[in-house]
Structures are given as C-alpha cells and as structure tokens.
C-alpha cells in the first residue's frame, strides 16, 4: 500500500510539474487588458498557489491549482479575450 501511494504521489508531482512548466511558457504571451485583467490575475494567482502547495508537499492542492489556471487560460482563449 505504501508503494502504491508513493507511485501516485510521484505521478501527481510529475503531472503538476509538467503543466506548471507549460503554463509558465504560455504566460509571457498573455497580455493584460482592461477587459481581461481580473482573469489574468486569477491565472497568475493559481500558478502562485500551485508553486506554494507543491513546495509544502500538498500535491493534490498543487495539481488542483494548476488545473484551475489552465481552465481560466483556455476559457479566455475561447472567449477571444487573449491571443
């Protein structure tokens, strides 16, 4: 049982790091405007939360935060509020 949890933890950590890295590559291309400012700030806050939770070893919360960051980024792209 311990090895199953260890495997899950390492998979969760790897997925979180993968998506965090990808969104960090995307964010320099995201420009704040008056129309999207609050949304972009939320994305940045979720990225920050992800880093914080990962550092604390709270892997589920870190993954959840990066999922929310990606969700907002995709929503803004679909609404044409960012390129």
Protein backbone atom coordinates (compact mmCIF):
# COMPACT_ATOMS: atom_id res chain seq x y z
CA UNK A 1 0.00 0.00 0.00
CA UNK A 2 2.85 2.39 0.78
CA UNK A 3 4.42 1.82 -2.65
CA UNK A 4 1.07 2.50 -4.37
CA UNK A 5 0.79 5.83 -2.58
CA UNK A 6 4.40 6.67 -3.36
CA UNK A 7 3.75 5.92 -7.04
CA UNK A 8 0.59 8.06 -7.03
CA UNK A 9 2.45 10.90 -5.34
CA UNK A 10 5.27 10.80 -7.88
CA UNK A 11 2.80 10.69 -10.79
CA UNK A 12 0.84 13.61 -9.34
CA UNK A 13 4.03 15.59 -8.80
CA UNK A 14 5.22 14.86 -12.35
CA UNK A 15 1.88 15.90 -13.90
CA UNK A 16 1.78 19.08 -11.82
CA UNK A 17 5.33 19.99 -12.82
CA UNK A 18 4.57 19.27 -16.49
CA UNK A 19 1.51 21.54 -16.59
CA UNK A 20 3.16 24.21 -14.47
CA UNK A 21 6.09 24.30 -16.88
CA UNK A 22 3.77 24.53 -19.88
CA UNK A 23 1.70 27.38 -18.47
CA UNK A 24 4.85 29.26 -17.49
CA UNK A 25 5.87 29.07 -21.16
CA UNK A 26 2.46 30.41 -22.23
CA UNK A 27 2.11 33.28 -19.77
CA UNK A 28 4.66 35.67 -21.35
CA UNK A 29 2.40 35.72 -24.43
CA UNK A 30 -0.66 36.63 -22.35
CA UNK A 31 -1.23 40.36 -22.27
CA UNK A 32 -3.43 42.04 -19.70
CA UNK A 33 -6.10 44.39 -20.95
CA UNK A 34 -8.80 46.27 -19.12
CA UNK A 35 -11.22 43.58 -20.24
CA UNK A 36 -9.25 40.54 -19.01
CA UNK A 37 -7.19 41.99 -16.15
CA UNK A 38 -9.02 40.23 -13.30
CA UNK A 39 -8.98 36.90 -15.12
CA UNK A 40 -5.25 37.11 -15.88
CA UNK A 41 -4.57 37.99 -12.25
CA UNK A 42 -6.53 34.90 -11.22
CA UNK A 43 -4.44 32.73 -13.53
CA UNK A 44 -1.26 34.17 -12.03
CA UNK A 45 -2.63 33.62 -8.51
CA UNK A 46 -3.42 29.97 -9.27
CA UNK A 47 0.11 29.50 -10.64
CA UNK A 48 1.50 31.02 -7.47
CA UNK A 49 -0.76 28.81 -5.36
CA UNK A 50 0.43 25.76 -7.29
CA UNK A 51 4.08 26.59 -6.55
CA UNK A 52 3.27 27.20 -2.88
CA UNK A 53 1.33 23.97 -2.40
CA UNK A 54 3.96 21.95 -4.27
CA UNK A 55 6.67 23.38 -2.04
CA UNK A 56 4.59 22.43 1.01
CA UNK A 57 4.14 18.89 -0.35
CA UNK A 58 0.39 19.37 -0.77
CA UNK A 59 0.31 17.65 -4.14
CA UNK A 60 -3.46 17.42 -4.59
CA UNK A 61 -3.89 21.14 -3.92
CA UNK A 62 -0.95 21.98 -6.21
CA UNK A 63 -2.47 19.93 -9.02
CA UNK A 64 -5.90 21.44 -8.46
CA UNK A 65 -4.45 24.96 -8.63
CA UNK A 66 -2.67 24.31 -11.92
CA UNK A 67 -5.82 22.75 -13.38
CA UNK A 68 -7.75 25.91 -12.49
CA UNK A 69 -5.03 28.10 -14.02
CA UNK A 70 -5.24 26.12 -17.28
CA UNK A 71 -9.03 26.23 -17.23
CA UNK A 72 -9.06 30.02 -16.99
CA UNK A 73 -6.42 30.33 -19.69
CA UNK A 74 -8.44 28.17 -22.07
CA UNK A 75 -11.67 30.00 -21.26
CA UNK A 76 -10.04 33.35 -22.07
CA UNK A 77 -8.69 31.94 -25.33
CA UNK A 78 -12.13 30.61 -26.31
CA UNK A 79 -13.74 33.95 -25.50
CA UNK A 80 -11.04 35.67 -27.58
CA UNK A 81 -10.02 37.75 -24.56
CA UNK A 82 -6.39 36.75 -25.11
CA UNK A 83 -4.41 35.53 -28.12
